[in-house]
Amino acid sequence: MSCCEPRIADRPASAAGDPVHVAIVGSGSGAFAAAIEAAARGARVTLIEASDVIGGTCVNVGCVPSKILIRGAQIAWQQQHHNFEGVARHAAAIDRRTMVRQQQELVERLRVSKYLEVLKSTPGLSLMKGRAHFADRSTLVVRDSEGHEQRVHADRILLAVGARPAIPAIEGLTDTPYWTSTEALVAEELPRHLVVLGGSVVALELAQAFLHLGSKVTLLARSTLLSREDADIGAALKTILEAEGMEIRLHTVPERVTHDGEHFHVHTGSGDLLCDRLLVATGRRSNGDRLKLENAGIAATPEGDILVDDHMRTSAEQVYAAGDCTNQPQYVYVAAAAGTRAARTMLGEETALDLSAMSAVVFTDPQVATVGLSEKQARDQGMDCESRTLALEYVPRAIANMDTRGFIKLVADRNDGRLLGCQAVAHEAGELIQTAALAIHEEMNVDELAAQLFPYLTMVEGLKLCAQTFRKDVSQLSCCAG
């Protein structure tokens, strides 16, 4: 028996003495994490999935296919736009259909190995197909594809139904063949001119990917780029993307959209646009509104997000929720962590989810990575803070890469130097941000971070150099000064 397996005597039982029955609505990362944990603790688990495939957003239409697309597009772009002399530059030959085939083959393999095979090999875990909604707090009605209904009674219920693209109320839009990210990821032909609506993560990642593959791209953002982040991030990204050839119009929302059978006509106050493809990437909304939450007395935000506390408990007793359908941050690793902790809590072990040092990555090139508080967020919370920003021209790895676009910024408490946050725009910024997350979690101050040994000619060394700028002028240091 491993250290993580519950002893038979510890296995939870219902009032009737049978194993606790846990019903989980959804089959994505949060759902599966909860199912595996609950089954390991002796519960009988029923997964309820409405769609034809299991695995949720990440593996099917989100993280996995998008990162494959983005990486392929980066390679294509670098063939013609790198900065190394003596290495011939040339335009990449793009076979989009073959790219999609390889991408979807990998998606299928991961769906089988990480979901279907796990489902088959986990004792006490079963799958029911159908769309669920609440009859009451402990009863779900599940309707299958043929319209047959079945009632499922459970001792505990977890809602992990994810989210879907949010479509803005723009005149004429719903009458056109617009793309969401789902259609864009499997499109086998490259647009000649792609217009993207949105200024956040999905919009930026896919807009740059199609630009890198050779499409003309125009991006329309309601406000600024990544408007919830430190303002320096959006400003830096705008400069970088425009230098690559993207047209970006900030504070622009179409007034009307029409389609003539071949082209989209996007009408804006700053002029009309004609394009052959339109990608709507203006955020996502919870699928919780499909569950008849009112029948169970479950509270949600005005936007439809299911409200949960840090133990993933909803306002209804013995009903929990995790992932993108809740008011938690919409990241797959948050959903998985929330699912695991929800299972532990519902089976007797009170386990909270601490998001105070949660790192996040936007997979543009260069990447955007953040953790903790921005300077504005810290000040809005009444903290006396200070920050330092290190341009990448002072990071040896960036110099050697011949790519010094971006910066690293650290936010610290002015009184004791405790690290409060980190924001980075850099090549592979996602690979350095977790070091900052650990430093924040361990309540390190900038002097302690600056005193750490970092391997030379790595991007993560930029954290050390940025920490040193609180006390020194790094431009006056040698390349590997301790």
Protein backbone atom coordinates (compact mmCIF):
# COMPACT_ATOMS: atom_id res chain seq x y z
CA MET A 1 0.00 0.00 0.00
CA SER A 2 1.38 3.44 -0.96
CA CYS A 3 1.42 6.35 1.45
CA CYS A 4 -1.39 8.02 -0.49
CA GLU A 5 -3.85 5.11 -0.47
CA PRO A 6 -6.57 5.28 2.19
CA ARG A 7 -6.84 2.31 4.52
CA ILE A 8 -10.02 0.27 4.17
CA ALA A 9 -11.14 1.44 7.61
CA ASP A 10 -10.80 5.04 6.49
CA ARG A 11 -13.00 4.69 3.45
CA PRO A 12 -16.07 6.92 3.66
CA ALA A 13 -19.54 5.44 3.90
CA SER A 14 -23.01 6.83 3.42
CA ALA A 15 -25.64 6.77 6.15
CA ALA A 16 -26.76 3.37 4.88
CA GLY A 17 -23.24 1.96 5.21
CA ASP A 18 -22.57 1.80 1.47
CA PRO A 19 -19.60 3.63 -0.07
CA VAL A 20 -20.22 7.35 -0.48
CA HIS A 21 -21.58 8.07 -3.95
CA VAL A 22 -19.95 11.07 -5.61
CA ALA A 23 -21.51 12.39 -8.82
CA ILE A 24 -19.24 14.60 -10.92
CA VAL A 25 -20.73 16.62 -13.75
CA GLY A 26 -18.08 17.09 -16.45
CA SER A 27 -15.05 15.11 -17.59
CA GLY A 28 -12.25 17.64 -17.90
CA SER A 29 -9.14 18.09 -15.78
CA GLY A 30 -10.96 19.24 -12.65
CA ALA A 31 -13.50 16.45 -12.93
CA PHE A 32 -10.91 13.73 -13.48
CA ALA A 33 -8.63 14.99 -10.71
CA ALA A 34 -11.57 14.84 -8.31
CA ALA A 35 -12.71 11.45 -9.60
CA ILE A 36 -9.28 9.85 -9.18
CA GLU A 37 -8.89 11.26 -5.67
CA ALA A 38 -12.40 10.31 -4.56
CA ALA A 39 -12.09 6.79 -5.98
CA ALA A 40 -8.72 6.33 -4.25
CA ARG A 41 -10.43 7.24 -0.99
CA GLY A 42 -13.08 4.54 -1.44
CA ALA A 43 -15.95 6.48 -2.89
CA ARG A 44 -18.15 5.25 -5.73
CA VAL A 45 -17.80 7.86 -8.46
CA THR A 46 -20.07 8.59 -11.42
CA LEU A 47 -18.78 10.95 -14.11
CA ILE A 48 -21.54 12.55 -16.15
CA GLU A 49 -20.51 13.98 -19.54
CA ALA A 50 -22.79 15.69 -22.05
CA SER A 51 -20.51 15.75 -25.10
CA ASP A 52 -19.41 12.94 -27.40
CA VAL A 53 -15.80 13.10 -26.19
CA ILE A 54 -14.34 13.22 -22.71
CA GLY A 55 -11.44 15.30 -21.47
CA GLY A 56 -12.92 18.79 -21.38
CA THR A 57 -11.48 21.93 -22.92
CA CYS A 58 -7.75 21.60 -22.29
CA VAL A 59 -6.87 18.44 -24.16
CA ASN A 60 -9.54 18.75 -26.86
CA VAL A 61 -9.97 22.39 -27.86
CA GLY A 62 -7.73 24.40 -25.54
CA CYS A 63 -4.26 24.12 -24.07
CA VAL A 64 -2.94 21.15 -26.03
CA PRO A 65 -3.97 21.98 -29.61
CA SER A 66 -3.29 25.69 -29.16
CA LYS A 67 0.26 25.16 -27.90
CA ILE A 68 0.99 22.78 -30.78
CA LEU A 69 -0.25 25.42 -33.23
CA ILE A 70 1.70 28.19 -31.50
CA ARG A 71 4.96 26.23 -31.46
CA GLY A 72 4.67 25.27 -35.12
CA ALA A 73 3.92 28.88 -36.04
CA GLN A 74 6.94 30.11 -34.04
CA ILE A 75 9.24 27.75 -35.94
CA ALA A 76 7.81 28.92 -39.26
CA TRP A 77 8.30 32.58 -38.31
CA GLN A 78 11.85 32.12 -37.04
CA GLN A 79 13.00 30.64 -40.33
CA GLN A 80 12.61 34.06 -41.90
CA HIS A 81 12.95 36.41 -38.93
CA HIS A 82 15.82 35.23 -36.73
CA ASN A 83 18.78 37.50 -35.92
CA PHE A 84 21.70 35.16 -36.55
CA GLU A 85 24.15 36.05 -39.29
CA GLY A 86 25.43 33.23 -41.44
CA VAL A 87 22.14 31.32 -41.16
CA ALA A 88 20.08 31.82 -44.31
CA ARG A 89 16.61 33.25 -43.83
CA HIS A 90 13.75 31.94 -45.94
CA ALA A 91 9.98 31.85 -45.89
CA ALA A 92 8.57 28.63 -44.52
CA ALA A 93 6.39 26.47 -46.73
CA ILE A 94 3.17 25.98 -44.76
CA ASP A 95 0.94 22.94 -45.23
CA ARG A 96 -1.83 23.81 -42.80
CA ARG A 97 -3.79 20.62 -43.44
CA THR A 98 -0.82 18.47 -42.43
CA MET A 99 -0.23 20.62 -39.35
CA VAL A 100 -3.82 20.07 -38.25
CA ARG A 101 -3.61 16.33 -38.87
CA GLN A 102 -0.51 15.94 -36.68
CA GLN A 103 -2.01 18.21 -34.02
CA GLN A 104 -5.25 16.26 -33.82
CA GLU A 105 -3.47 12.90 -33.78
CA LEU A 106 -1.59 14.04 -30.67
CA VAL A 107 -4.80 15.37 -29.13
CA GLU A 108 -6.42 11.97 -29.69
CA ARG A 109 -3.47 10.10 -28.18
CA LEU A 110 -3.50 12.26 -25.07
CA ARG A 111 -7.26 11.98 -24.70
CA VAL A 112 -6.96 8.20 -24.79
CA SER A 113 -3.95 7.89 -22.47
CA LYS A 114 -4.87 10.59 -19.95
CA TYR A 115 -8.63 10.13 -19.82
CA LEU A 116 -10.10 7.01 -21.45
CA GLU A 117 -7.45 4.62 -20.14
CA VAL A 118 -7.57 6.23 -16.69
CA LEU A 119 -11.34 5.80 -16.70
CA LYS A 120 -11.04 2.12 -17.56
CA SER A 121 -8.30 1.39 -15.02
CA THR A 122 -9.76 3.18 -11.98
CA PRO A 123 -11.89 0.92 -9.74
CA GLY A 124 -15.12 2.48 -8.55
CA LEU A 125 -15.23 4.99 -11.42
CA SER A 126 -17.94 4.88 -14.12
CA LEU A 127 -19.04 7.15 -16.96
CA MET A 128 -22.58 8.17 -17.80
CA LYS A 129 -23.34 10.04 -21.04
CA GLY A 130 -25.95 12.76 -20.98
CA ARG A 131 -26.67 16.37 -20.05
CA ALA A 132 -27.33 16.90 -16.34
CA HIS A 133 -29.32 19.44 -14.40
CA PHE A 134 -30.51 19.66 -10.81
CA ALA A 135 -33.87 18.34 -9.68
CA ASP A 136 -32.94 19.20 -6.10
CA ARG A 137 -29.79 19.56 -4.02
CA SER A 138 -28.91 15.86 -4.07
CA THR A 139 -30.58 14.73 -7.31
CA LEU A 140 -29.49 15.21 -10.90
CA VAL A 141 -31.61 14.58 -13.97
CA VAL A 142 -29.49 13.21 -16.82
CA ARG A 143 -30.92 13.32 -20.34
CA ASP A 144 -29.15 11.28 -23.01
CA SER A 145 -28.88 12.05 -26.74
CA GLU A 146 -32.14 10.24 -27.45
CA GLY A 147 -34.08 12.25 -24.88
CA HIS A 148 -34.32 9.55 -22.23
CA GLU A 149 -34.01 10.81 -18.67
CA GLN A 150 -32.53 9.16 -15.60
CA ARG A 151 -32.32 10.45 -12.06
CA VAL A 152 -29.00 10.19 -10.24
CA HIS A 153 -29.02 10.50 -6.44
CA ALA A 154 -25.64 11.24 -4.86
CA ASP A 155 -24.24 11.88 -1.40
CA ARG A 156 -21.84 14.49 -2.81
CA ILE A 157 -21.94 16.37 -6.11
CA LEU A 158 -19.10 18.17 -7.86
CA LEU A 159 -19.77 20.57 -10.72
CA ALA A 160 -16.90 20.78 -13.17
CA VAL A 161 -18.68 21.69 -16.38
CA GLY A 162 -16.17 24.23 -17.68
CA ALA A 163 -16.89 27.25 -19.82
CA ARG A 164 -17.62 28.16 -23.42
CA PRO A 165 -16.71 31.12 -25.65
CA ALA A 166 -18.61 34.27 -24.75
CA ILE A 167 -20.07 35.93 -27.84
CA PRO A 168 -20.52 39.71 -27.59
CA ALA A 169 -23.81 41.35 -28.50
CA ILE A 170 -22.72 42.91 -31.79
CA GLU A 171 -25.38 43.55 -34.41
CA GLY A 172 -25.36 40.89 -37.11
CA LEU A 173 -22.54 38.81 -35.62
CA THR A 174 -24.54 35.68 -34.82
CA ASP A 175 -25.79 35.53 -38.43
CA THR A 176 -22.22 35.15 -39.76
CA PRO A 177 -19.86 32.12 -39.93
CA TYR A 178 -17.43 33.55 -37.38
CA TRP A 179 -14.79 31.44 -35.69
CA THR A 180 -14.28 30.84 -32.01
CA SER A 181 -10.99 29.33 -30.87
CA THR A 182 -12.51 25.88 -31.42
CA GLU A 183 -12.90 26.39 -35.17
CA ALA A 184 -9.66 28.33 -35.55
CA LEU A 185 -7.56 25.53 -34.07
CA VAL A 186 -8.70 22.97 -36.65
CA ALA A 187 -8.98 25.26 -39.69
CA GLU A 188 -7.16 23.59 -42.57
CA GLU A 189 -6.77 26.75 -44.66
CA LEU A 190 -4.95 29.91 -43.62
CA PRO A 191 -6.95 33.13 -43.79
CA ARG A 192 -5.67 35.78 -46.16
CA HIS A 193 -6.87 38.43 -43.70
CA LEU A 194 -7.95 37.46 -40.17
CA VAL A 195 -9.68 39.96 -37.91
CA VAL A 196 -9.56 39.05 -34.23
CA LEU A 197 -11.98 40.45 -31.65
CA GLY A 198 -10.42 40.49 -28.19
CA GLY A 199 -7.38 41.68 -26.32
CA SER A 200 -6.75 38.95 -23.78
CA VAL A 201 -5.00 35.58 -23.70
CA VAL A 202 -6.74 33.53 -26.40
CA ALA A 203 -7.04 36.48 -28.77
CA LEU A 204 -3.35 37.36 -28.51
CA GLU A 205 -2.04 33.80 -28.71
CA LEU A 206 -4.06 32.86 -31.79
CA ALA A 207 -3.67 36.22 -33.51
CA GLN A 208 0.12 35.97 -33.35
CA ALA A 209 0.09 32.30 -34.37
CA PHE A 210 -1.81 33.05 -37.58
CA LEU A 211 0.40 36.07 -38.21
CA HIS A 212 3.45 33.82 -37.88
CA LEU A 213 1.92 31.39 -40.37
CA GLY A 214 1.54 34.13 -42.93
CA SER A 215 -1.94 35.61 -42.50
CA LYS A 216 -2.55 39.33 -42.39
CA VAL A 217 -3.96 39.97 -38.92
CA THR A 218 -5.93 42.89 -37.49
CA LEU A 219 -6.78 42.79 -33.79
CA LEU A 220 -9.57 44.85 -32.24
CA ALA A 221 -9.43 45.20 -28.44
CA ARG A 222 -12.23 46.64 -26.32
CA SER A 223 -9.70 48.41 -24.10
CA THR A 224 -5.96 47.66 -23.94
CA LEU A 225 -4.03 44.42 -24.38
CA LEU A 226 -4.19 42.20 -21.27
CA SER A 227 -5.98 45.05 -19.53
CA ARG A 228 -6.13 43.26 -16.16
CA GLU A 229 -2.35 43.02 -15.97
CA ASP A 230 0.35 45.60 -15.28
CA ALA A 231 0.00 48.30 -17.94
CA ASP A 232 3.64 47.87 -19.00
CA ILE A 233 2.84 44.34 -20.23
CA GLY A 234 0.18 45.42 -22.69
CA ALA A 235 2.29 48.31 -23.91
CA ALA A 236 5.29 46.06 -24.52
CA LEU A 237 3.21 43.44 -26.33
CA LYS A 238 1.62 46.05 -28.56
CA THR A 239 5.03 47.33 -29.64
CA ILE A 240 6.29 43.79 -30.29
CA LEU A 241 3.25 42.63 -32.25
CA GLU A 242 3.09 45.78 -34.35
CA ALA A 243 6.78 45.37 -35.17
CA GLU A 244 5.93 41.92 -36.51
CA GLY A 245 3.26 43.41 -38.77
CA MET A 246 0.02 43.05 -36.80
CA GLU A 247 -2.46 45.91 -36.96
CA ILE A 248 -3.84 46.64 -33.50
CA ARG A 249 -6.76 48.94 -32.78
CA LEU A 250 -7.29 49.60 -29.08
CA HIS A 251 -10.58 50.77 -27.57
CA THR A 252 -12.41 49.44 -30.60
CA VAL A 253 -15.58 47.34 -30.65
CA PRO A 254 -17.41 46.66 -33.93
CA GLU A 255 -20.78 48.33 -34.25
CA ARG A 256 -22.03 45.79 -36.78
CA VAL A 257 -20.80 42.69 -38.64
CA THR A 258 -22.15 41.32 -41.91
CA HIS A 259 -21.11 38.53 -44.26
CA ASP A 260 -21.68 38.55 -48.02
CA GLY A 261 -21.04 34.86 -48.59
CA GLU A 262 -17.32 35.34 -49.04
CA HIS A 263 -16.12 38.19 -46.86
CA PHE A 264 -16.87 39.65 -43.45
CA HIS A 265 -17.62 43.35 -43.27
CA VAL A 266 -16.64 44.63 -39.83
CA HIS A 267 -18.02 48.10 -39.23
CA THR A 268 -16.26 50.19 -36.56
CA GLY A 269 -16.21 53.81 -35.57
CA SER A 270 -12.64 54.07 -36.82
CA GLY A 271 -13.35 52.66 -40.27
CA ASP A 272 -14.64 49.45 -41.81
CA LEU A 273 -12.65 46.25 -42.30
CA LEU A 274 -12.99 43.58 -44.97
CA CYS A 275 -11.65 40.11 -44.13
CA ASP A 276 -12.18 36.49 -45.09
CA ARG A 277 -12.16 35.17 -41.50
CA LEU A 278 -13.34 36.63 -38.18
CA LEU A 279 -12.18 35.15 -34.86
CA VAL A 280 -14.23 36.02 -31.78
CA ALA A 281 -12.03 35.64 -28.69
CA THR A 282 -13.68 37.96 -26.18
CA GLY A 283 -13.60 35.71 -23.13
CA ARG A 284 -15.46 32.66 -21.85
CA ARG A 285 -18.60 32.17 -19.79
CA SER A 286 -19.50 29.44 -17.31
CA ASN A 287 -21.55 26.47 -18.39
CA GLY A 288 -23.15 26.53 -14.96
CA ASP A 289 -26.19 28.27 -16.43
CA ARG A 290 -27.18 24.96 -18.04
CA LEU A 291 -27.50 23.13 -14.71
CA LYS A 292 -30.68 24.73 -13.28
CA LEU A 293 -28.70 25.82 -10.24
CA GLU A 294 -31.76 27.45 -8.72
CA ASN A 295 -33.28 24.01 -8.07
CA ALA A 296 -30.44 23.30 -5.67
CA GLY A 297 -30.12 26.80 -4.21
CA ILE A 298 -26.64 27.33 -5.67
CA ALA A 299 -25.44 30.93 -5.85
CA ALA A 300 -23.66 32.37 -8.88
CA THR A 301 -22.30 35.72 -9.97
CA PRO A 302 -24.33 37.93 -12.33
CA GLU A 303 -22.07 36.60 -15.11
CA GLY A 304 -23.05 33.02 -14.25
CA ASP A 305 -19.89 31.84 -12.46
CA ILE A 306 -20.67 29.40 -9.64
CA LEU A 307 -19.54 30.90 -6.35
CA VAL A 308 -17.20 28.73 -4.28
CA ASP A 309 -15.04 29.25 -1.21
CA ASP A 310 -11.42 28.13 -0.91
CA HIS A 311 -12.62 24.58 -0.16
CA MET A 312 -14.68 24.55 -3.41
CA ARG A 313 -17.94 24.49 -1.44
CA THR A 314 -20.97 26.11 -3.07
CA SER A 315 -23.86 27.68 -1.19
CA ALA A 316 -25.65 24.30 -1.24
CA GLU A 317 -24.63 21.72 1.33
CA GLN A 318 -22.61 18.79 -0.10
CA VAL A 319 -22.41 20.43 -3.54
CA TYR A 320 -18.97 21.52 -4.71
CA ALA A 321 -17.63 23.10 -7.88
CA ALA A 322 -14.24 23.47 -9.52
CA GLY A 323 -12.62 24.92 -12.60
CA ASP A 324 -13.77 27.30 -15.30
CA CYS A 325 -17.45 27.17 -14.34
CA THR A 326 -16.63 28.86 -11.01
CA ASN A 327 -15.32 32.22 -9.89
CA GLN A 328 -11.79 30.75 -9.77
CA PRO A 329 -9.11 31.72 -12.33
CA GLN A 330 -9.60 29.88 -15.62
CA TYR A 331 -6.46 27.76 -15.80
CA VAL A 332 -6.33 24.00 -16.20
CA TYR A 333 -3.89 23.55 -13.31
CA VAL A 334 -6.19 25.54 -11.03
CA ALA A 335 -9.09 23.31 -12.08
CA ALA A 336 -7.08 20.13 -11.40
CA ALA A 337 -5.88 21.37 -8.02
CA ALA A 338 -9.40 22.47 -7.12
CA GLY A 339 -10.84 19.10 -8.13
CA THR A 340 -8.39 17.19 -5.96
CA ARG A 341 -9.02 19.43 -2.96
CA ALA A 342 -12.78 19.30 -3.46
CA ALA A 343 -12.66 15.50 -3.33
CA ARG A 344 -10.63 15.56 -0.14
CA THR A 345 -12.95 18.07 1.52
CA MET A 346 -16.17 16.28 0.54
CA LEU A 347 -14.76 13.04 1.99
CA GLY A 348 -13.79 14.48 5.33
CA GLU A 349 -10.38 16.14 4.95
CA GLU A 350 -10.71 19.92 4.98
CA THR A 351 -8.30 21.05 2.25
CA ALA A 352 -8.16 24.63 0.97
CA LEU A 353 -6.80 25.94 -2.33
CA ASP A 354 -4.26 28.74 -1.88
CA LEU A 355 -4.04 30.96 -4.97
CA SER A 356 -1.88 33.70 -3.44
CA ALA A 357 1.20 32.59 -5.41
CA MET A 358 -0.51 31.32 -8.55
CA SER A 359 1.60 31.87 -11.64
CA ALA A 360 0.09 32.46 -15.08
CA VAL A 361 1.53 32.36 -18.59
CA VAL A 362 0.41 33.81 -21.92
CA PHE A 363 2.04 31.86 -24.75
CA THR A 364 2.81 34.70 -27.08
CA ASP A 365 6.38 35.12 -28.30
CA PRO A 366 7.88 36.52 -26.16
CA GLN A 367 5.76 34.99 -23.44
CA VAL A 368 4.02 36.89 -20.66
CA ALA A 369 4.33 35.42 -17.17
CA THR A 370 2.99 36.80 -13.90
CA VAL A 371 2.66 35.83 -10.26
CA GLY A 372 1.51 37.65 -7.15
CA LEU A 373 0.59 41.33 -7.18
CA SER A 374 1.30 44.05 -9.69
CA GLU A 375 2.41 47.39 -8.32
CA LYS A 376 -1.09 48.83 -8.82
CA GLN A 377 -2.76 45.85 -7.16
CA ALA A 378 -0.45 46.13 -4.16
CA ARG A 379 -1.15 49.83 -3.78
CA ASP A 380 -4.89 49.29 -4.19
CA GLN A 381 -4.63 46.92 -1.22
CA GLY A 382 -3.00 49.68 0.83
CA MET A 383 0.54 48.29 0.68
CA ASP A 384 3.59 50.52 0.69
CA CYS A 385 5.51 49.00 -2.18
CA GLU A 386 8.21 49.69 -4.73
CA SER A 387 9.22 48.04 -7.98
CA ARG A 388 12.18 47.64 -10.28
CA THR A 389 12.09 46.85 -13.99
CA LEU A 390 15.03 45.19 -15.72
CA ALA A 391 15.25 45.52 -19.49
CA LEU A 392 16.32 42.25 -21.12
CA GLU A 393 19.34 43.95 -22.64
CA TYR A 394 20.92 43.38 -19.22
CA VAL A 395 20.20 39.64 -19.17
CA PRO A 396 23.12 37.67 -20.70
CA ARG A 397 20.88 34.84 -21.94
CA ALA A 398 18.70 37.29 -23.85
CA ILE A 399 21.79 38.89 -25.36
CA ALA A 400 23.11 35.49 -26.48
CA ASN A 401 19.67 34.67 -27.92
CA MET A 402 19.88 37.95 -29.87
CA ASP A 403 16.38 38.68 -28.64
CA THR A 404 16.18 41.35 -25.95
CA ARG A 405 12.49 42.16 -26.38
CA GLY A 406 10.71 42.56 -23.06
CA PHE A 407 11.49 43.02 -19.38
CA ILE A 408 11.36 41.51 -15.90
CA LYS A 409 9.66 43.45 -13.12
CA LEU A 410 9.65 42.74 -9.40
CA VAL A 411 7.33 44.31 -6.83
CA ALA A 412 8.40 44.37 -3.19
CA ASP A 413 7.28 45.70 0.18
CA ARG A 414 9.10 48.97 0.71
CA ASN A 415 9.64 48.33 4.41
CA ASP A 416 11.10 44.82 4.54
CA GLY A 417 11.79 44.05 0.88
CA ARG A 418 9.43 41.04 0.87
CA LEU A 419 8.66 39.99 -2.68
CA LEU A 420 5.02 40.67 -3.60
CA GLY A 421 4.88 40.02 -7.32
CA CYS A 422 6.68 39.45 -10.57
CA GLN A 423 5.76 40.34 -14.16
CA ALA A 424 7.84 39.26 -17.14
CA VAL A 425 7.70 39.65 -20.88
CA ALA A 426 10.50 37.45 -22.19
CA HIS A 427 11.43 34.47 -24.29
CA GLU A 428 10.29 31.41 -22.30
CA ALA A 429 9.08 33.61 -19.44
CA GLY A 430 6.87 30.71 -18.39
CA GLU A 431 9.98 28.73 -17.49
CA LEU A 432 11.23 31.37 -15.03
CA ILE A 433 8.03 32.46 -13.32
CA GLN A 434 7.71 29.50 -10.97
CA THR A 435 10.99 30.46 -9.31
CA ALA A 436 9.40 33.79 -8.47
CA ALA A 437 6.26 31.99 -7.29
CA LEU A 438 8.30 29.87 -4.88
CA ALA A 439 10.11 32.96 -3.63
CA ILE A 440 6.78 34.66 -2.92
CA HIS A 441 5.40 31.53 -1.26
CA GLU A 442 8.44 31.34 1.01
CA GLU A 443 8.18 35.08 1.78
CA MET A 444 11.69 35.82 0.53
CA ASN A 445 12.84 39.41 0.29
CA VAL A 446 14.66 40.90 -2.67
CA ASP A 447 18.04 40.68 -0.96
CA GLU A 448 17.60 36.95 -0.33
CA LEU A 449 16.57 36.44 -3.94
CA ALA A 450 19.54 38.47 -5.17
CA ALA A 451 21.90 36.33 -3.07
CA GLN A 452 20.79 33.03 -4.61
CA LEU A 453 23.00 31.17 -7.07
CA PHE A 454 21.47 31.09 -10.54
CA PRO A 455 23.05 29.20 -13.46
CA TYR A 456 24.71 31.58 -15.88
CA LEU A 457 23.20 32.09 -19.29
CA THR A 458 19.68 31.19 -18.29
CA MET A 459 16.65 33.46 -18.52
CA VAL A 460 15.80 32.77 -14.88
CA GLU A 461 19.02 34.54 -13.90
CA GLY A 462 17.11 37.67 -14.84
CA LEU A 463 15.22 37.36 -11.55
CA LYS A 464 18.48 37.62 -9.63
CA LEU A 465 19.62 40.59 -11.69
CA CYS A 466 16.29 42.34 -11.25
CA ALA A 467 16.44 41.74 -7.49
CA GLN A 468 19.93 43.25 -7.47
CA THR A 469 18.59 46.46 -9.01
CA PHE A 470 16.89 47.31 -5.71
CA ARG A 471 20.38 47.95 -4.30
CA LYS A 472 22.75 48.23 -7.30
CA ASP A 473 23.13 49.55 -10.81
CA VAL A 474 23.39 46.27 -12.74
CA SER A 475 24.77 48.06 -15.78
CA GLN A 476 27.97 48.51 -13.76
CA LEU A 477 28.32 44.82 -12.86
CA SER A 478 30.37 42.25 -14.73
CA CYS A 479 28.43 39.63 -16.69
CA CYS A 480 28.32 37.08 -13.87
CA ALA A 481 28.76 39.21 -10.76
CA GLY A 482 27.56 37.48 -7.59
